[in-house]
C-alpha atoms as a PDB file:
ATOM      1  CA  UNK A   1       3.631 -16.028 -63.592  1.00  0.00           C
ATOM      2  CA  UNK A   2       5.950 -18.872 -61.937  1.00  0.00           C
ATOM      3  CA  UNK A   3       7.751 -17.780 -59.011  1.00  0.00           C
ATOM      4  CA  UNK A   4       8.926 -19.819 -55.670  1.00  0.00           C
ATOM      5  CA  UNK A   5       7.950 -17.330 -53.552  1.00  0.00           C
ATOM      6  CA  UNK A   6       9.724 -17.799 -49.165  1.00  0.00           C
ATOM      7  CA  UNK A   7       5.882 -17.028 -47.417  1.00  0.00           C
ATOM      8  CA  UNK A   8       7.887 -17.642 -43.786  1.00  0.00           C
ATOM      9  CA  UNK A   9      11.635 -17.232 -43.015  1.00  0.00           C
ATOM     10  CA  UNK A  10      12.948 -21.160 -42.439  1.00  0.00           C
ATOM     11  CA  UNK A  11      10.100 -22.678 -44.158  1.00  0.00           C
ATOM     12  CA  UNK A  12       9.847 -24.049 -47.600  1.00  0.00           C
ATOM     13  CA  UNK A  13       9.708 -22.142 -50.438  1.00  0.00           C
ATOM     14  CA  UNK A  14       5.974 -22.225 -52.143  1.00  0.00           C
ATOM     15  CA  UNK A  15       6.361 -22.637 -56.082  1.00  0.00           C
ATOM     16  CA  UNK A  16       3.434 -21.273 -57.471  1.00  0.00           C
ATOM     17  CA  UNK A  17       1.711 -18.844 -59.952  1.00  0.00           C
ATOM     18  CA  UNK A  18       1.689 -15.273 -58.650  1.00  0.00           C
ATOM     19  CA  UNK A  19       1.038 -11.336 -60.786  1.00  0.00           C
ATOM     20  CA  UNK A  20       3.997 -10.665 -63.181  1.00  0.00           C
ATOM     21  CA  UNK A  21       5.508  -7.690 -62.056  1.00  0.00           C
ATOM     22  CA  UNK A  22       4.678  -4.113 -64.530  1.00  0.00           C
ATOM     23  CA  UNK A  23       7.856  -1.902 -64.675  1.00  0.00           C
ATOM     24  CA  UNK A  24       7.947   1.265 -63.334  1.00  0.00           C
ATOM     25  CA  UNK A  25       9.262   4.149 -65.583  1.00  0.00           C
ATOM     26  CA  UNK A  26      13.300   3.425 -64.915  1.00  0.00           C
ATOM     27  CA  UNK A  27      12.776  -0.004 -64.625  1.00  0.00           C
ATOM     28  CA  UNK A  28      12.519  -2.850 -67.115  1.00  0.00           C
ATOM     29  CA  UNK A  29      10.470  -6.072 -67.268  1.00  0.00           C
ATOM     30  CA  UNK A  30      12.851  -9.252 -68.258  1.00  0.00           C
ATOM     31  CA  UNK A  31      12.047 -12.607 -68.841  1.00  0.00           C
ATOM     32  CA  UNK A  32      13.888 -14.844 -67.477  1.00  0.00           C
ATOM     33  CA  UNK A  33      15.522 -17.585 -69.165  1.00  0.00           C
ATOM     34  CA  UNK A  34      17.742 -19.126 -66.352  1.00  0.00           C
ATOM     35  CA  UNK A  35      19.073 -17.783 -63.037  1.00  0.00           C
ATOM     36  CA  UNK A  36      21.740 -19.208 -60.607  1.00  0.00           C
ATOM     37  CA  UNK A  37      21.249 -20.866 -57.256  1.00  0.00           C
ATOM     38  CA  UNK A  38      23.627 -18.937 -54.514  1.00  0.00           C
ATOM     39  CA  UNK A  39      24.320 -20.463 -50.798  1.00  0.00           C
ATOM     40  CA  UNK A  40      23.280 -16.095 -50.243  1.00  0.00           C
ATOM     41  CA  UNK A  41      19.856 -17.269 -51.562  1.00  0.00           C
ATOM     42  CA  UNK A  42      19.505 -20.699 -48.617  1.00  0.00           C
ATOM     43  CA  UNK A  43      20.415 -17.285 -46.364  1.00  0.00           C
ATOM     44  CA  UNK A  44      18.612 -15.216 -47.184  1.00  0.00           C
ATOM     45  CA  UNK A  45      15.148 -17.839 -46.874  1.00  0.00           C
ATOM     46  CA  UNK A  46      15.873 -18.808 -43.739  1.00  0.00           C
ATOM     47  CA  UNK A  47      16.472 -15.472 -42.052  1.00  0.00           C
ATOM     48  CA  UNK A  48      20.453 -16.524 -41.090  1.00  0.00           C
ATOM     49  CA  UNK A  49      21.467 -13.280 -41.358  1.00  0.00           C
ATOM     50  CA  UNK A  50      21.877 -10.689 -38.705  1.00  0.00           C
ATOM     51  CA  UNK A  51      19.736  -8.278 -41.085  1.00  0.00           C
ATOM     52  CA  UNK A  52      16.809 -10.061 -42.580  1.00  0.00           C
ATOM     53  CA  UNK A  53      14.339  -9.707 -45.554  1.00  0.00           C
ATOM     54  CA  UNK A  54      10.830  -9.346 -44.875  1.00  0.00           C
ATOM     55  CA  UNK A  55       8.273 -12.229 -46.780  1.00  0.00           C
ATOM     56  CA  UNK A  56       6.853 -12.738 -48.323  1.00  0.00           C
ATOM     57  CA  UNK A  57       9.928 -12.054 -50.990  1.00  0.00           C
ATOM     58  CA  UNK A  58      10.975 -14.741 -54.468  1.00  0.00           C
ATOM     59  CA  UNK A  59      14.914 -14.512 -54.054  1.00  0.00           C
ATOM     60  CA  UNK A  60      17.590 -14.994 -56.905  1.00  0.00           C
ATOM     61  CA  UNK A  61      20.111 -12.414 -57.939  1.00  0.00           C
ATOM     62  CA  UNK A  62      22.010 -14.285 -61.013  1.00  0.00           C
ATOM     63  CA  UNK A  63      19.290 -14.295 -63.112  1.00  0.00           C
ATOM     64  CA  UNK A  64      19.285 -13.848 -66.642  1.00  0.00           C
ATOM     65  CA  UNK A  65      17.074 -12.690 -69.238  1.00  0.00           C
ATOM     66  CA  UNK A  66      15.533 -11.108 -72.528  1.00  0.00           C
ATOM     67  CA  UNK A  67      13.893  -7.884 -71.750  1.00  0.00           C
ATOM     68  CA  UNK A  68      10.949  -7.513 -72.755  1.00  0.00           C
ATOM     69  CA  UNK A  69       9.139  -3.617 -71.694  1.00  0.00           C
ATOM     70  CA  UNK A  70      11.373  -0.954 -71.068  1.00  0.00           C
ATOM     71  CA  UNK A  71       9.960   1.858 -68.583  1.00  0.00           C
ATOM     72  CA  UNK A  72       9.259   5.252 -70.074  1.00  0.00           C
ATOM     73  CA  UNK A  73      12.488   6.840 -68.766  1.00  0.00           C
ATOM     74  CA  UNK A  74      14.876   4.430 -70.004  1.00  0.00           C
ATOM     75  CA  UNK A  75      16.680   4.617 -73.032  1.00  0.00           C
ATOM     76  CA  UNK A  76      20.214   2.401 -71.862  1.00  0.00           C
ATOM     77  CA  UNK A  77      18.550  -0.999 -72.383  1.00  0.00           C
ATOM     78  CA  UNK A  78      16.333  -2.476 -75.268  1.00  0.00           C
ATOM     79  CA  UNK A  79      13.607  -4.389 -75.919  1.00  0.00           C
ATOM     80  CA  UNK A  80      14.855  -8.073 -77.103  1.00  0.00           C
ATOM     81  CA  UNK A  81      17.827  -7.304 -74.978  1.00  0.00           C
ATOM     82  CA  UNK A  82      20.185 -10.249 -72.678  1.00  0.00           C
ATOM     83  CA  UNK A  83      20.762  -8.895 -69.819  1.00  0.00           C
ATOM     84  CA  UNK A  84      22.046 -10.147 -66.606  1.00  0.00           C
ATOM     85  CA  UNK A  85      20.115  -9.377 -62.579  1.00  0.00           C
ATOM     86  CA  UNK A  86      22.456  -8.846 -60.278  1.00  0.00           C
ATOM     87  CA  UNK A  87      23.035  -8.859 -56.691  1.00  0.00           C
ATOM     88  CA  UNK A  88      23.714  -4.467 -56.678  1.00  0.00           C
ATOM     89  CA  UNK A  89      19.898  -3.957 -57.496  1.00  0.00           C
ATOM     90  CA  UNK A  90      20.239  -0.365 -57.586  1.00  0.00           C
ATOM     91  CA  UNK A  91      22.744   2.224 -55.369  1.00  0.00           C
ATOM     92  CA  UNK A  92      22.070   5.888 -55.012  1.00  0.00           C
ATOM     93  CA  UNK A  93      24.542   7.165 -57.463  1.00  0.00           C
ATOM     94  CA  UNK A  94      25.805  10.013 -55.278  1.00  0.00           C
ATOM     95  CA  UNK A  95      27.798   8.923 -52.204  1.00  0.00           C
ATOM     96  CA  UNK A  96      31.397   9.100 -51.865  1.00  0.00           C
ATOM     97  CA  UNK A  97      31.428   4.996 -52.078  1.00  0.00           C
ATOM     98  CA  UNK A  98      29.430   5.071 -55.945  1.00  0.00           C
ATOM     99  CA  UNK A  99      31.480   7.902 -56.819  1.00  0.00           C
ATOM    100  CA  UNK A 100      34.696   6.537 -56.221  1.00  0.00           C
ATOM    101  CA  UNK A 101      34.357   3.189 -57.987  1.00  0.00           C
ATOM    102  CA  UNK A 102      32.950   1.366 -54.543  1.00  0.00           C
ATOM    103  CA  UNK A 103      28.437   1.538 -55.194  1.00  0.00           C
ATOM    104  CA  UNK A 104      28.997  -2.300 -53.784  1.00  0.00           C
ATOM    105  CA  UNK A 105      29.728  -0.286 -50.480  1.00  0.00           C
ATOM    106  CA  UNK A 106      26.327   2.098 -50.647  1.00  0.00           C
ATOM    107  CA  UNK A 107      25.059   2.236 -47.813  1.00  0.00           C
ATOM    108  CA  UNK A 108      21.698   3.266 -49.565  1.00  0.00           C
ATOM    109  CA  UNK A 109      22.098   0.271 -52.178  1.00  0.00           C
ATOM    110  CA  UNK A 110      18.966  -2.077 -52.890  1.00  0.00           C
ATOM    111  CA  UNK A 111      19.790  -6.117 -52.883  1.00  0.00           C
ATOM    112  CA  UNK A 112      17.912  -8.137 -55.542  1.00  0.00           C
ATOM    113  CA  UNK A 113      16.580 -11.226 -53.807  1.00  0.00           C
ATOM    114  CA  UNK A 114      16.826  -9.705 -50.433  1.00  0.00           C
ATOM    115  CA  UNK A 115      15.138  -6.557 -50.097  1.00  0.00           C
ATOM    116  CA  UNK A 116      13.021  -6.892 -53.692  1.00  0.00           C
ATOM    117  CA  UNK A 117      11.690  -9.465 -55.428  1.00  0.00           C
ATOM    118  CA  UNK A 118      14.277 -11.683 -57.417  1.00  0.00           C
ATOM    119  CA  UNK A 119      14.692 -13.910 -60.041  1.00  0.00           C
ATOM    120  CA  UNK A 120      13.397 -17.787 -59.138  1.00  0.00           C
ATOM    121  CA  UNK A 121      10.592 -16.818 -60.852  1.00  0.00           C
ATOM    122  CA  UNK A 122       9.437 -15.692 -64.937  1.00  0.00           C
ATOM    123  CA  UNK A 123       9.890 -12.464 -64.774  1.00  0.00           C
ATOM    124  CA  UNK A 124      11.568  -9.690 -62.980  1.00  0.00           C
ATOM    125  CA  UNK A 125      11.640  -5.993 -63.553  1.00  0.00           C
ATOM    126  CA  UNK A 126      14.581  -4.378 -62.553  1.00  0.00           C
ATOM    127  CA  UNK A 127      16.557  -1.077 -62.829  1.00  0.00           C
ATOM    128  CA  UNK A 128      17.959  -0.539 -66.369  1.00  0.00           C
ATOM    129  CA  UNK A 129      20.612   1.293 -64.901  1.00  0.00           C
ATOM    130  CA  UNK A 130      21.479  -1.880 -62.871  1.00  0.00           C
ATOM    131  CA  UNK A 131      21.419  -4.700 -65.515  1.00  0.00           C
ATOM    132  CA  UNK A 132      24.782  -5.742 -67.160  1.00  0.00           C
ATOM    133  CA  UNK A 133      24.232  -6.670 -71.253  1.00  0.00           C
ATOM    134  CA  UNK A 134      25.357 -10.469 -71.562  1.00  0.00           C
ATOM    135  CA  UNK A 135      27.714 -10.329 -74.678  1.00  0.00           C
ATOM    136  CA  UNK A 136      26.290 -12.603 -77.610  1.00  0.00           C
ATOM    137  CA  UNK A 137      28.150 -15.891 -77.368  1.00  0.00           C
ATOM    138  CA  UNK A 138      27.654 -16.620 -74.241  1.00  0.00           C
ATOM    139  CA  UNK A 139      25.050 -19.182 -72.792  1.00  0.00           C
ATOM    140  CA  UNK A 140      22.601 -18.013 -70.412  1.00  0.00           C
ATOM    141  CA  UNK A 141      23.084 -20.337 -68.434  1.00  0.00           C
ATOM    142  CA  UNK A 142      26.709 -20.297 -67.922  1.00  0.00           C
ATOM    143  CA  UNK A 143      26.232 -15.910 -67.582  1.00  0.00           C
ATOM    144  CA  UNK A 144      24.177 -17.095 -64.250  1.00  0.00           C
ATOM    145  CA  UNK A 145      26.348 -18.304 -61.948  1.00  0.00           C
ATOM    146  CA  UNK A 146      28.380 -15.899 -63.535  1.00  0.00           C
ATOM    147  CA  UNK A 147      26.805 -12.877 -62.306  1.00  0.00           C
ATOM    148  CA  UNK A 148      27.170 -13.613 -59.092  1.00  0.00           C
ATOM    149  CA  UNK A 149      30.220 -16.149 -58.105  1.00  0.00           C
ATOM    150  CA  UNK A 150      31.571 -14.648 -61.245  1.00  0.00           C
ATOM    151  CA  UNK A 151      31.937 -11.555 -60.767  1.00  0.00           C
ATOM    152  CA  UNK A 152      32.299 -11.981 -56.336  1.00  0.00           C
ATOM    153  CA  UNK A 153      35.170 -13.977 -57.142  1.00  0.00           C
ATOM    154  CA  UNK A 154      36.815 -11.609 -60.129  1.00  0.00           C
ATOM    155  CA  UNK A 155      36.728  -8.856 -57.656  1.00  0.00           C
ATOM    156  CA  UNK A 156      38.421 -10.482 -55.174  1.00  0.00           C
ATOM    157  CA  UNK A 157      40.857 -11.545 -57.204  1.00  0.00           C
ATOM    158  CA  UNK A 158      41.800  -7.940 -57.979  1.00  0.00           C
ATOM    159  CA  UNK A 159      41.932  -7.304 -54.203  1.00  0.00           C
ATOM    160  CA  UNK A 160      44.519  -9.769 -53.478  1.00  0.00           C
ATOM    161  CA  UNK A 161      47.270  -8.201 -55.862  1.00  0.00           C
ATOM    162  CA  UNK A 162      47.639 -12.029 -57.266  1.00  0.00           C
ATOM    163  CA  UNK A 163      50.124 -11.366 -59.795  1.00  0.00           C
ATOM    164  CA  UNK A 164      52.874 -13.507 -61.916  1.00  0.00           C
ATOM    165  CA  UNK A 165      55.578 -14.774 -59.411  1.00  0.00           C
ATOM    166  CA  UNK A 166      52.673 -14.985 -56.739  1.00  0.00           C
ATOM    167  CA  UNK A 167      51.314 -17.544 -54.393  1.00  0.00           C
ATOM    168  CA  UNK A 168      47.312 -17.277 -54.528  1.00  0.00           C
ATOM    169  CA  UNK A 169      45.717 -19.504 -52.325  1.00  0.00           C
ATOM    170  CA  UNK A 170      42.082 -20.509 -52.844  1.00  0.00           C
ATOM    171  CA  UNK A 171      40.143 -21.909 -49.296  1.00  0.00           C
ATOM    172  CA  UNK A 172      36.468 -23.613 -51.133  1.00  0.00           C
ATOM    173  CA  UNK A 173      36.796 -24.646 -54.054  1.00  0.00           C
ATOM    174  CA  UNK A 174      32.832 -25.084 -55.322  1.00  0.00           C
ATOM    175  CA  UNK A 175      30.746 -22.546 -56.981  1.00  0.00           C
ATOM    176  CA  UNK A 176      32.683 -19.880 -55.992  1.00  0.00           C
ATOM    177  CA  UNK A 177      35.953 -21.059 -55.236  1.00  0.00           C
ATOM    178  CA  UNK A 178      36.634 -23.209 -59.028  1.00  0.00           C
ATOM    179  CA  UNK A 179      36.609 -19.849 -60.730  1.00  0.00           C
ATOM    180  CA  UNK A 180      38.329 -18.069 -58.637  1.00  0.00           C
ATOM    181  CA  UNK A 181      40.767 -20.457 -59.441  1.00  0.00           C
ATOM    182  CA  UNK A 182      40.619 -19.291 -62.902  1.00  0.00           C
ATOM    183  CA  UNK A 183      41.033 -16.007 -62.191  1.00  0.00           C
ATOM    184  CA  UNK A 184      44.093 -16.529 -59.722  1.00  0.00           C
ATOM    185  CA  UNK A 185      45.658 -18.274 -62.670  1.00  0.00           C
ATOM    186  CA  UNK A 186      44.521 -15.974 -65.431  1.00  0.00           C
ATOM    187  CA  UNK A 187      46.459 -13.152 -63.356  1.00  0.00           C
ATOM    188  CA  UNK A 188      49.534 -15.564 -63.438  1.00  0.00           C
ATOM    189  CA  UNK A 189      49.283 -16.673 -60.564  1.00  0.00           C
ATOM    190  CA  UNK A 190      50.816 -19.993 -58.555  1.00  0.00           C
ATOM    191  CA  UNK A 191      47.652 -21.544 -57.500  1.00  0.00           C
ATOM    192  CA  UNK A 192      46.923 -23.720 -54.606  1.00  0.00           C
ATOM    193  CA  UNK A 193      43.214 -25.384 -53.937  1.00  0.00           C
ATOM    194  CA  UNK A 194      42.388 -26.194 -50.787  1.00  0.00           C
ATOM    195  CA  UNK A 195      38.506 -28.145 -49.993  1.00  0.00           C
ATOM    196  CA  UNK A 196      37.446 -30.899 -48.310  1.00  0.00           C
ATOM    197  CA  UNK A 197      36.336 -32.976 -51.300  1.00  0.00           C
ATOM    198  CA  UNK A 198      38.633 -34.743 -53.844  1.00  0.00           C
ATOM    199  CA  UNK A 199      35.965 -34.386 -56.351  1.00  0.00           C
ATOM    200  CA  UNK A 200      36.334 -30.655 -56.017  1.00  0.00           C
ATOM    201  CA  UNK A 201      40.432 -30.670 -55.344  1.00  0.00           C
ATOM    202  CA  UNK A 202      40.342 -32.556 -58.989  1.00  0.00           C
ATOM    203  CA  UNK A 203      38.109 -30.029 -60.523  1.00  0.00           C
ATOM    204  CA  UNK A 204      40.491 -27.175 -59.329  1.00  0.00           C
ATOM    205  CA  UNK A 205      43.423 -28.954 -61.077  1.00  0.00           C
ATOM    206  CA  UNK A 206      41.464 -29.549 -64.433  1.00  0.00           C
ATOM    207  CA  UNK A 207      40.764 -25.755 -64.298  1.00  0.00           C
ATOM    208  CA  UNK A 208      44.924 -24.323 -63.246  1.00  0.00           C
ATOM    209  CA  UNK A 209      45.175 -24.818 -59.890  1.00  0.00           C
ATOM    210  CA  UNK A 210      48.692 -25.989 -59.215  1.00  0.00           C
ATOM    211  CA  UNK A 211      48.694 -27.760 -56.256  1.00  0.00           C
ATOM    212  CA  UNK A 212      45.573 -29.031 -54.571  1.00  0.00           C
ATOM    213  CA  UNK A 213      45.154 -29.708 -50.655  1.00  0.00           C
ATOM    214  CA  UNK A 214      43.031 -32.158 -48.905  1.00  0.00           C
ATOM    215  CA  UNK A 215      42.238 -30.388 -45.655  1.00  0.00           C
ATOM    216  CA  UNK A 216      41.219 -33.299 -44.384  1.00  0.00           C
ATOM    217  CA  UNK A 217      44.572 -35.304 -44.621  1.00  0.00           C
ATOM    218  CA  UNK A 218      46.770 -32.670 -44.020  1.00  0.00           C
ATOM    219  CA  UNK A 219      46.913 -29.446 -41.902  1.00  0.00           C
ATOM    220  CA  UNK A 220      45.936 -27.236 -44.903  1.00  0.00           C
ATOM    221  CA  UNK A 221      48.112 -23.694 -43.472  1.00  0.00           C
ATOM    222  CA  UNK A 222      51.358 -25.853 -42.895  1.00  0.00           C
ATOM    223  CA  UNK A 223      51.613 -27.329 -46.286  1.00  0.00           C
ATOM    224  CA  UNK A 224      50.659 -24.260 -47.896  1.00  0.00           C
ATOM    225  CA  UNK A 225      53.915 -22.738 -45.363  1.00  0.00           C
ATOM    226  CA  UNK A 226      56.295 -25.374 -46.644  1.00  0.00           C
ATOM    227  CA  UNK A 227      56.105 -24.347 -50.380  1.00  0.00           C
ATOM    228  CA  UNK A 228      56.915 -20.416 -49.263  1.00  0.00           C
ATOM    229  CA  UNK A 229      53.370 -19.542 -47.907  1.00  0.00           C
ATOM    230  CA  UNK A 230      50.990 -17.614 -49.555  1.00  0.00           C
ATOM    231  CA  UNK A 231      51.500 -13.888 -51.001  1.00  0.00           C
ATOM    232  CA  UNK A 232      47.460 -14.307 -50.635  1.00  0.00           C
ATOM    233  CA  UNK A 233      44.138 -16.456 -49.638  1.00  0.00           C
ATOM    234  CA  UNK A 234      40.709 -16.125 -51.468  1.00  0.00           C
ATOM    235  CA  UNK A 235      38.384 -17.478 -48.994  1.00  0.00           C
ATOM    236  CA  UNK A 236      35.061 -18.869 -49.794  1.00  0.00           C
ATOM    237  CA  UNK A 237      34.596 -21.071 -47.400  1.00  0.00           C
ATOM    238  CA  UNK A 238      32.017 -20.236 -44.898  1.00  0.00           C
ATOM    239  CA  UNK A 239      33.729 -22.399 -41.411  1.00  0.00           C
ATOM    240  CA  UNK A 240      35.391 -20.306 -39.200  1.00  0.00           C
ATOM    241  CA  UNK A 241      38.076 -22.665 -38.940  1.00  0.00           C
ATOM    242  CA  UNK A 242      38.840 -22.875 -42.866  1.00  0.00           C
ATOM    243  CA  UNK A 243      39.562 -19.002 -42.525  1.00  0.00           C
ATOM    244  CA  UNK A 244      41.517 -19.266 -39.614  1.00  0.00           C
ATOM    245  CA  UNK A 245      43.863 -22.156 -41.419  1.00  0.00           C
ATOM    246  CA  UNK A 246      43.932 -19.393 -44.509  1.00  0.00           C
ATOM    247  CA  UNK A 247      44.611 -16.924 -42.398  1.00  0.00           C
ATOM    248  CA  UNK A 248      47.642 -19.028 -40.659  1.00  0.00           C
ATOM    249  CA  UNK A 249      48.643 -19.760 -44.682  1.00  0.00           C
ATOM    250  CA  UNK A 250      50.269 -16.672 -44.630  1.00  0.00           C
ATOM    251  CA  UNK A 251      53.453 -15.368 -45.330  1.00  0.00           C
ATOM    252  CA  UNK A 252      54.338 -11.796 -43.865  1.00  0.00           C
ATOM    253  CA  UNK A 253      52.614  -8.917 -45.860  1.00  0.00           C
ATOM    254  CA  UNK A 254      50.093 -11.418 -47.575  1.00  0.00           C
ATOM    255  CA  UNK A 255      46.321 -10.460 -48.012  1.00  0.00           C
ATOM    256  CA  UNK A 256      43.712 -12.819 -46.796  1.00  0.00           C
ATOM    257  CA  UNK A 257      40.463 -11.434 -48.615  1.00  0.00           C
ATOM    258  CA  UNK A 258      37.424 -12.947 -47.008  1.00  0.00           C
ATOM    259  CA  UNK A 259      34.374 -13.936 -49.317  1.00  0.00           C
ATOM    260  CA  UNK A 260      32.609 -16.801 -47.116  1.00  0.00           C
ATOM    261  CA  UNK A 261      30.246 -15.578 -44.143  1.00  0.00           C
ATOM    262  CA  UNK A 262      30.670 -17.854 -41.286  1.00  0.00           C
ATOM    263  CA  UNK A 263      27.140 -18.640 -39.836  1.00  0.00           C
ATOM    264  CA  UNK A 264      27.864 -17.255 -36.513  1.00  0.00           C
ATOM    265  CA  UNK A 265      29.345 -14.112 -37.469  1.00  0.00           C
ATOM    266  CA  UNK A 266      32.515 -14.867 -36.305  1.00  0.00           C
ATOM    267  CA  UNK A 267      36.445 -15.878 -36.536  1.00  0.00           C
ATOM    268  CA  UNK A 268      39.308 -15.875 -34.182  1.00  0.00           C
ATOM    269  CA  UNK A 269      42.429 -14.044 -35.213  1.00  0.00           C
ATOM    270  CA  UNK A 270      45.923 -13.024 -33.531  1.00  0.00           C
ATOM    271  CA  UNK A 271      46.260  -9.751 -33.571  1.00  0.00           C
ATOM    272  CA  UNK A 272      49.256 -10.038 -32.065  1.00  0.00           C
ATOM    273  CA  UNK A 273      50.940 -12.014 -35.764  1.00  0.00           C
ATOM    274  CA  UNK A 274      48.857  -9.923 -37.989  1.00  0.00           C
ATOM    275  CA  UNK A 275      50.672  -6.637 -36.712  1.00  0.00           C
ATOM    276  CA  UNK A 276      54.081  -7.926 -36.191  1.00  0.00           C
ATOM    277  CA  UNK A 277      53.657 -10.043 -39.474  1.00  0.00           C
ATOM    278  CA  UNK A 278      52.219  -7.225 -41.662  1.00  0.00           C
ATOM    279  CA  UNK A 279      48.771  -8.554 -42.429  1.00  0.00           C
ATOM    280  CA  UNK A 280      46.176  -7.117 -44.316  1.00  0.00           C
ATOM    281  CA  UNK A 281      42.380  -8.870 -43.931  1.00  0.00           C
ATOM    282  CA  UNK A 282      40.051  -7.491 -47.041  1.00  0.00           C
ATOM    283  CA  UNK A 283      35.768  -8.660 -46.778  1.00  0.00           C
ATOM    284  CA  UNK A 284      34.855  -8.013 -50.565  1.00  0.00           C
ATOM    285  CA  UNK A 285      31.568  -8.752 -51.002  1.00  0.00           C
ATOM    286  CA  UNK A 286      30.463  -9.075 -55.208  1.00  0.00           C
ATOM    287  CA  UNK A 287      31.881  -6.480 -57.292  1.00  0.00           C
ATOM    288  CA  UNK A 288      30.415  -3.666 -59.314  1.00  0.00           C
ATOM    289  CA  UNK A 289      28.928  -3.424 -62.807  1.00  0.00           C
ATOM    290  CA  UNK A 290      32.232  -2.877 -64.464  1.00  0.00           C
ATOM    291  CA  UNK A 291      33.617  -6.038 -63.093  1.00  0.00           C
ATOM    292  CA  UNK A 292      30.912  -8.241 -64.137  1.00  0.00           C
ATOM    293  CA  UNK A 293      31.266  -6.308 -68.113  1.00  0.00           C
ATOM    294  CA  UNK A 294      34.815  -7.772 -67.390  1.00  0.00           C
ATOM    295  CA  UNK A 295      33.918 -10.768 -65.943  1.00  0.00           C
ATOM    296  CA  UNK A 296      31.677 -11.646 -69.524  1.00  0.00           C
ATOM    297  CA  UNK A 297      34.278 -10.609 -71.571  1.00  0.00           C
ATOM    298  CA  UNK A 298      36.574 -13.216 -70.232  1.00  0.00           C
ATOM    299  CA  UNK A 299      34.399 -15.916 -70.536  1.00  0.00           C
ATOM    300  CA  UNK A 300      33.139 -14.888 -74.353  1.00  0.00           C
ATOM    301  CA  UNK A 301      37.401 -14.831 -75.557  1.00  0.00           C
ATOM    302  CA  UNK A 302      36.878 -18.397 -74.013  1.00  0.00           C
ATOM    303  CA  UNK A 303      39.110 -17.794 -70.734  1.00  0.00           C
ATOM    304  CA  UNK A 304      36.933 -19.151 -68.547  1.00  0.00           C
ATOM    305  CA  UNK A 305      34.914 -22.038 -67.557  1.00  0.00           C
ATOM    306  CA  UNK A 306      31.778 -22.383 -65.525  1.00  0.00           C
ATOM    307  CA  UNK A 307      31.030 -25.576 -64.114  1.00  0.00           C
ATOM    308  CA  UNK A 308      27.363 -26.154 -63.660  1.00  0.00           C
ATOM    309  CA  UNK A 309      24.225 -28.588 -63.341  1.00  0.00           C
ATOM    310  CA  UNK A 310      20.669 -27.544 -64.858  1.00  0.00           C
ATOM    311  CA  UNK A 311      17.713 -28.421 -62.518  1.00  0.00           C
ATOM    312  CA  UNK A 312      13.615 -27.453 -62.453  1.00  0.00           C
ATOM    313  CA  UNK A 313      12.645 -24.126 -60.536  1.00  0.00           C
ATOM    314  CA  UNK A 314      10.194 -26.854 -59.089  1.00  0.00           C
ATOM    315  CA  UNK A 315      12.674 -28.907 -57.191  1.00  0.00           C
ATOM    316  CA  UNK A 316      14.030 -25.173 -55.506  1.00  0.00           C
ATOM    317  CA  UNK A 317      13.788 -26.708 -51.907  1.00  0.00           C
ATOM    318  CA  UNK A 318      14.906 -30.057 -52.883  1.00  0.00           C
ATOM    319  CA  UNK A 319      18.359 -27.831 -54.671  1.00  0.00           C
ATOM    320  CA  UNK A 320      18.781 -26.054 -51.270  1.00  0.00           C
ATOM    321  CA  UNK A 321      19.495 -29.356 -49.500  1.00  0.00           C
ATOM    322  CA  UNK A 322      21.197 -30.834 -52.397  1.00  0.00           C
ATOM    323  CA  UNK A 323      24.117 -27.826 -51.610  1.00  0.00           C
ATOM    324  CA  UNK A 324      23.454 -27.758 -47.684  1.00  0.00           C
ATOM    325  CA  UNK A 325      24.384 -30.951 -48.425  1.00  0.00           C
ATOM    326  CA  UNK A 326      27.634 -30.569 -49.912  1.00  0.00           C
ATOM    327  CA  UNK A 327      26.944 -32.627 -52.962  1.00  0.00           C
ATOM    328  CA  UNK A 328      26.608 -29.765 -55.150  1.00  0.00           C
ATOM    329  CA  UNK A 329      30.564 -30.297 -57.021  1.00  0.00           C
ATOM    330  CA  UNK A 330      30.250 -26.126 -58.565  1.00  0.00           C
ATOM    331  CA  UNK A 331      26.769 -24.198 -59.662  1.00  0.00           C
ATOM    332  CA  UNK A 332      22.915 -25.463 -59.619  1.00  0.00           C
ATOM    333  CA  UNK A 333      21.218 -23.367 -62.209  1.00  0.00           C
ATOM    334  CA  UNK A 334      17.638 -23.441 -62.900  1.00  0.00           C
ATOM    335  CA  UNK A 335      16.743 -23.542 -66.497  1.00  0.00           C
ATOM    336  CA  UNK A 336      13.376 -21.249 -66.928  1.00  0.00           C
ATOM    337  CA  UNK A 337      12.609 -21.752 -70.728  1.00  0.00           C
ATOM    338  CA  UNK A 338      11.527 -25.255 -70.129  1.00  0.00           C
ATOM    339  CA  UNK A 339      11.615 -26.410 -66.938  1.00  0.00           C
ATOM    340  CA  UNK A 340      13.909 -29.041 -68.159  1.00  0.00           C
ATOM    341  CA  UNK A 341      16.749 -31.203 -65.995  1.00  0.00           C
ATOM    342  CA  UNK A 342      19.963 -31.986 -66.998  1.00  0.00           C
ATOM    343  CA  UNK A 343      23.360 -32.247 -66.306  1.00  0.00           C
ATOM    344  CA  UNK A 344      26.226 -29.610 -68.049  1.00  0.00           C
ATOM    345  CA  UNK A 345      29.431 -28.518 -67.710  1.00  0.00           C
END
């Protein structure tokens, strides 16, 4: 099979032929149709996080494809079924977190495209318990970004407490943020989009944002406070300055839900204002299998739109550069069915 392999952290990926994996008794083999590019894949390939992956490995955790083989002990997934392969490759299923609906916090979890080979390939093996069926009618090109960007922001918006008569600001309107805007709007909130790119702010307005703030032109926190302050902020931005501005945007008793991860792993937050203002700071990492099912249900019902561009896996290294340049409006998706690159949304 063709795959994009990290041979050495920080070096370009090697797009080459390699052996097709074989499923164990509890796994399925999936012929991948599409695979989304997440910034986490870039962090993984460069070894930028404190816990680093071990080369060689295949990145990618937004995979969608057709099951072609099932292990001997698999009875809940069938050959021919379209499934999504998410970041949460497997979890223990027994700990306090797994038992209380927080499987994404399992200390024994294994992450796709990080600890085990992922979806930048024509085939992938996955734990049958953790693949999620993709409903009929959802384009695999849409399903791929929903598998990470979608479920991540959906869970973050849930944690934000978004509801009617609240103001929710989304800092960073790209691959994740454009979906966060839609989920907050679906929840009934007044949505404020904050970014530094005009095209992304225009996109946010089209997708349901009530206000769009260019953080290069004005102080975003002051602008939001002028609207009465945000009841909650979902920050997908990775810049410490953006996260700190998001904090200053909150009204008393507000919630800051942090999704984006700064490269230096630090932000500066005033404890005095946090305590006296009753501010909650919440970290949010992806979502559960049930969250992803709900994301797919919303999309199948026509409630959300995925803004994405198609790319060939052969161009994976150029795609990394595109994302890092900030030129990509939303999400890049590798079409593994024919390798042809075309733009759509």
